Every structure is written in structure tokens, then in C-alpha cells.
Amino acid sequence: MPRFRMDQENLKEEVEGTRYRSGGQWAIWNALFAPVAEDGYPEPLWDPWTGVINPEVAQWAIEHYDITYYLKSNWATVGPKLVGKINIFCGRMDNWWIEQAVYLLEAFLSSTENPHYTGRFEYGVKGGHGWNPWREKGDAGGMVREMADHIVRNAPVGENTSLWHY
């Protein structure tokens, strides 16, 4: 697979489809996380030719999609509903460096009070994008079983959970 610098990859995508229509990584991220411009296309987070960032679009994306920003802004309301329910799994060698944002989320959650966060973060030392501890153990269904056990433990009082097993 060819390797590109970010500026080269952006220009390659611009050639493949202007206005974030290439289907490449930068195009899809911009299409997902940017507001819609007056012309109906995503408002560019940055200029693919110069690399200049649009600070208004960046702030908009933070306010609408940054989970750490949202939790910091709303912890008093959402924190009590999330205690013990946040479980994050991330490779320490993510090919898009997403682990950096996960570290920021973990730092915030570790500092919470009233209530204090009680969940977990697990990292794969050499794990890439999509890493999870079950894959490392060769247990493809482990996450689904863990989720099912959690749902059963938290079922409404009186619910016959035996009907949930197929």
C-alpha cells in the first residue's frame, strides 16, 4: 500500500472527487463531522490545497461530536446515568492515531467526581484500529457474551431473562 503524507493524501482525494466526494478517509471524516455548507456539501474543516484550518468549523465539530467535550459539559446530568457503563477498548498503535483522543477521554473520566466514573479502558500494546481484547484471545464472540451478561444483570425487576436465550 502506498504511503502518503497527509497533504499528499488530501490532494489525491481532491483529484478523485472534489468537495469531499472521493470516498477517502479525509473526505468521509469531513462529510461526517462538518456542518452542511450553503451549497449542500460539507463545510471544509481545512483547505486541502493549503492546509489552512477553518476554526469555526473545527469548533462546530467539537461542540457536536467530541465525546470528551460533551461529557465535560454535561457530566452533572449524564454522569450518574453512565457509572459503570463505559468500556473503551483501543489499540495503542491505531493507524489514525485515535488512541490520542482516547487518552484524553480517560484522563477526564479518571478525574470525575459526583459521581466518579467507574468503567474501564483497555489498550492493546501493539493493537491497531479496531483492537479488542477478545480478538487477541481468539474469542470472537466474547464481547457479545459480555454485553448479553450485562443486559441480563441489569434487566428490569421481574423480567424473565430465560426467554432471551435462543
Protein backbone atom coordinates (compact mmCIF):
# COMPACT_ATOMS: atom_id res chain seq x y z
CA MET A 1 0.00 0.00 0.00
CA PRO A 2 1.47 3.39 -0.90
CA ARG A 3 2.28 5.74 1.93
CA PHE A 4 1.34 9.39 1.75
CA ARG A 5 1.86 12.43 3.88
CA MET A 6 -1.42 13.99 4.95
CA ASP A 7 -1.10 16.85 2.44
CA GLN A 8 -0.44 14.39 -0.38
CA GLU A 9 -3.36 12.21 0.63
CA ASN A 10 -5.68 15.23 0.74
CA LEU A 11 -4.66 16.27 -2.76
CA LYS A 12 -5.07 12.71 -4.02
CA GLU A 13 -8.60 12.68 -2.62
CA GLU A 14 -9.32 16.08 -4.15
CA VAL A 15 -8.39 14.68 -7.57
CA GLU A 16 -10.59 11.62 -7.02
CA GLY A 17 -13.61 13.73 -6.08
CA THR A 18 -13.83 17.41 -5.22
CA ARG A 19 -15.98 18.74 -2.39
CA TYR A 20 -15.28 15.66 -0.27
CA ARG A 21 -16.75 13.17 -2.74
CA SER A 22 -13.67 10.94 -3.13
CA GLY A 23 -14.82 8.39 -0.57
CA GLY A 24 -11.35 8.54 1.01
CA GLN A 25 -10.67 8.80 4.74
CA TRP A 26 -10.34 12.58 4.90
CA ALA A 27 -13.42 13.08 2.74
CA ILE A 28 -15.62 10.80 4.79
CA TRP A 29 -14.45 12.25 8.10
CA ASN A 30 -15.12 15.76 6.86
CA ALA A 31 -18.52 14.73 5.47
CA LEU A 32 -19.44 13.12 8.79
CA PHE A 33 -18.14 15.69 11.25
CA ALA A 34 -18.60 19.02 9.43
CA PRO A 35 -21.74 21.12 9.12
CA VAL A 36 -23.51 21.30 5.76
CA ALA A 37 -22.48 24.36 3.73
CA GLU A 38 -24.91 26.55 1.81
CA ASP A 39 -24.18 24.60 -1.38
CA GLY A 40 -25.23 21.32 0.30
CA TYR A 41 -21.74 19.89 0.57
CA PRO A 42 -19.75 19.55 3.81
CA GLU A 43 -18.25 22.81 5.03
CA PRO A 44 -14.49 22.19 4.72
CA LEU A 45 -12.67 21.74 8.03
CA TRP A 46 -9.48 22.68 6.20
CA ASP A 47 -8.44 23.73 2.73
CA PRO A 48 -7.00 20.61 1.05
CA TRP A 49 -4.64 22.75 -1.07
CA THR A 50 -3.17 24.95 1.66
CA GLY A 51 -3.91 23.01 4.86
CA VAL A 52 -5.40 26.12 6.50
CA ILE A 53 -7.93 25.07 9.16
CA ASN A 54 -11.31 26.78 9.41
CA PRO A 55 -11.58 27.46 13.19
CA GLU A 56 -15.37 27.93 13.09
CA VAL A 57 -15.89 24.51 11.53
CA ALA A 58 -13.41 22.98 13.98
CA GLN A 59 -15.31 24.45 16.94
CA TRP A 60 -18.63 23.30 15.47
CA ALA A 61 -17.27 19.74 15.17
CA ILE A 62 -16.03 19.81 18.77
CA GLU A 63 -19.39 21.00 20.07
CA HIS A 64 -21.34 18.41 18.09
CA TYR A 65 -19.13 15.31 18.04
CA ASP A 66 -16.36 15.41 20.65
CA ILE A 67 -17.39 12.92 23.34
CA THR A 68 -14.90 14.31 25.88
CA TYR A 69 -16.19 17.86 25.32
CA TYR A 70 -19.78 16.63 25.69
CA LEU A 71 -19.09 14.70 28.88
CA LYS A 72 -17.16 17.61 30.43
CA SER A 73 -20.01 19.97 29.60
CA ASN A 74 -22.77 17.65 30.82
CA TRP A 75 -21.23 15.40 33.47
CA ALA A 76 -23.61 16.50 36.24
CA THR A 77 -26.54 15.31 34.13
CA VAL A 78 -25.17 12.32 32.23
CA GLY A 79 -22.54 11.08 34.68
CA PRO A 80 -25.00 9.37 37.04
CA LYS A 81 -26.52 7.52 34.07
CA LEU A 82 -23.13 6.28 32.85
CA VAL A 83 -21.47 4.98 36.02
CA GLY A 84 -20.11 1.52 35.29
CA LYS A 85 -21.34 1.57 31.69
CA ILE A 86 -18.37 2.98 29.77
CA ASN A 87 -15.99 0.34 28.45
CA ILE A 88 -13.37 1.51 25.96
CA PHE A 89 -11.00 -0.74 24.01
CA CYS A 90 -8.27 0.78 21.88
CA GLY A 91 -5.04 -0.22 20.23
CA ARG A 92 -2.01 1.84 21.24
CA MET A 93 -0.88 1.87 17.60
CA ASP A 94 -4.06 3.00 15.86
CA ASN A 95 -3.33 3.77 12.24
CA TRP A 96 -5.23 7.09 12.52
CA TRP A 97 -3.82 7.97 16.00
CA ILE A 98 -7.28 7.76 17.54
CA GLU A 99 -5.71 6.49 20.76
CA GLN A 100 -4.65 10.08 21.46
CA ALA A 101 -8.30 11.15 21.85
CA VAL A 102 -8.97 8.04 23.95
CA TYR A 103 -6.17 9.06 26.34
CA LEU A 104 -7.84 12.48 26.74
CA LEU A 105 -11.20 10.84 27.43
CA GLU A 106 -9.64 8.53 30.01
CA ALA A 107 -7.89 11.44 31.74
CA PHE A 108 -11.16 13.34 32.02
CA LEU A 109 -13.18 10.36 33.24
CA SER A 110 -10.49 9.49 35.80
CA SER A 111 -10.87 12.98 37.26
CA THR A 112 -14.66 12.94 37.61
CA GLU A 113 -16.47 13.31 40.90
CA ASN A 114 -20.14 13.33 41.85
CA PRO A 115 -20.22 10.72 40.52
CA HIS A 116 -16.80 9.30 39.91
CA TYR A 117 -16.60 7.34 36.68
CA THR A 118 -16.39 3.59 37.16
CA GLY A 119 -15.79 1.86 33.86
CA ARG A 120 -12.75 0.57 32.10
CA PHE A 121 -10.18 1.33 29.46
CA GLU A 122 -8.17 -1.50 27.93
CA TYR A 123 -5.35 -0.94 25.47
CA GLY A 124 -3.67 -3.35 23.09
CA VAL A 125 0.07 -2.70 23.32
CA LYS A 126 0.65 -3.21 19.59
CA GLY A 127 -3.02 -3.09 18.67
CA GLY A 128 -4.17 -1.20 15.63
CA HIS A 129 -7.54 0.25 14.65
CA GLY A 130 -10.37 -1.97 15.89
CA TRP A 131 -8.29 -3.76 18.53
CA ASN A 132 -10.21 -5.52 21.29
CA PRO A 133 -9.10 -7.96 23.98
CA TRP A 134 -11.30 -10.80 22.74
CA ARG A 135 -9.68 -10.87 19.30
CA GLU A 136 -6.29 -11.09 20.99
CA LYS A 137 -7.53 -14.16 22.90
CA GLY A 138 -9.10 -15.73 19.79
CA ASP A 139 -12.57 -15.32 21.30
CA ALA A 140 -14.63 -13.68 18.55
CA GLY A 141 -17.90 -13.89 20.50
CA GLY A 142 -16.52 -12.69 23.83
CA MET A 143 -17.74 -9.12 23.53
CA VAL A 144 -21.27 -10.20 22.60
CA ARG A 145 -21.39 -12.60 25.56
CA GLU A 146 -20.16 -9.89 27.91
CA MET A 147 -22.77 -7.47 26.59
CA ALA A 148 -25.51 -10.09 26.97
CA ASP A 149 -24.45 -10.81 30.57
CA HIS A 150 -24.56 -7.08 31.34
CA ILE A 151 -28.06 -6.77 29.87
CA VAL A 152 -29.30 -9.74 31.91
CA ARG A 153 -27.75 -8.35 35.13
CA ASN A 154 -29.45 -5.00 34.51
CA ALA A 155 -32.82 -6.32 33.35
CA PRO A 156 -35.96 -4.77 34.80
CA VAL A 157 -37.13 -6.35 38.06
CA GLY A 158 -39.33 -9.35 37.37
CA GLU A 159 -38.22 -9.77 33.75
CA ASN A 160 -37.93 -13.41 32.68
CA THR A 161 -34.49 -13.28 31.09
CA SER A 162 -34.54 -17.00 30.24
CA LEU A 163 -36.68 -16.05 27.24
CA TRP A 164 -33.74 -14.08 25.88
CA HIS A 165 -31.60 -17.17 25.29
CA TYR A 166 -32.03 -18.78 21.89
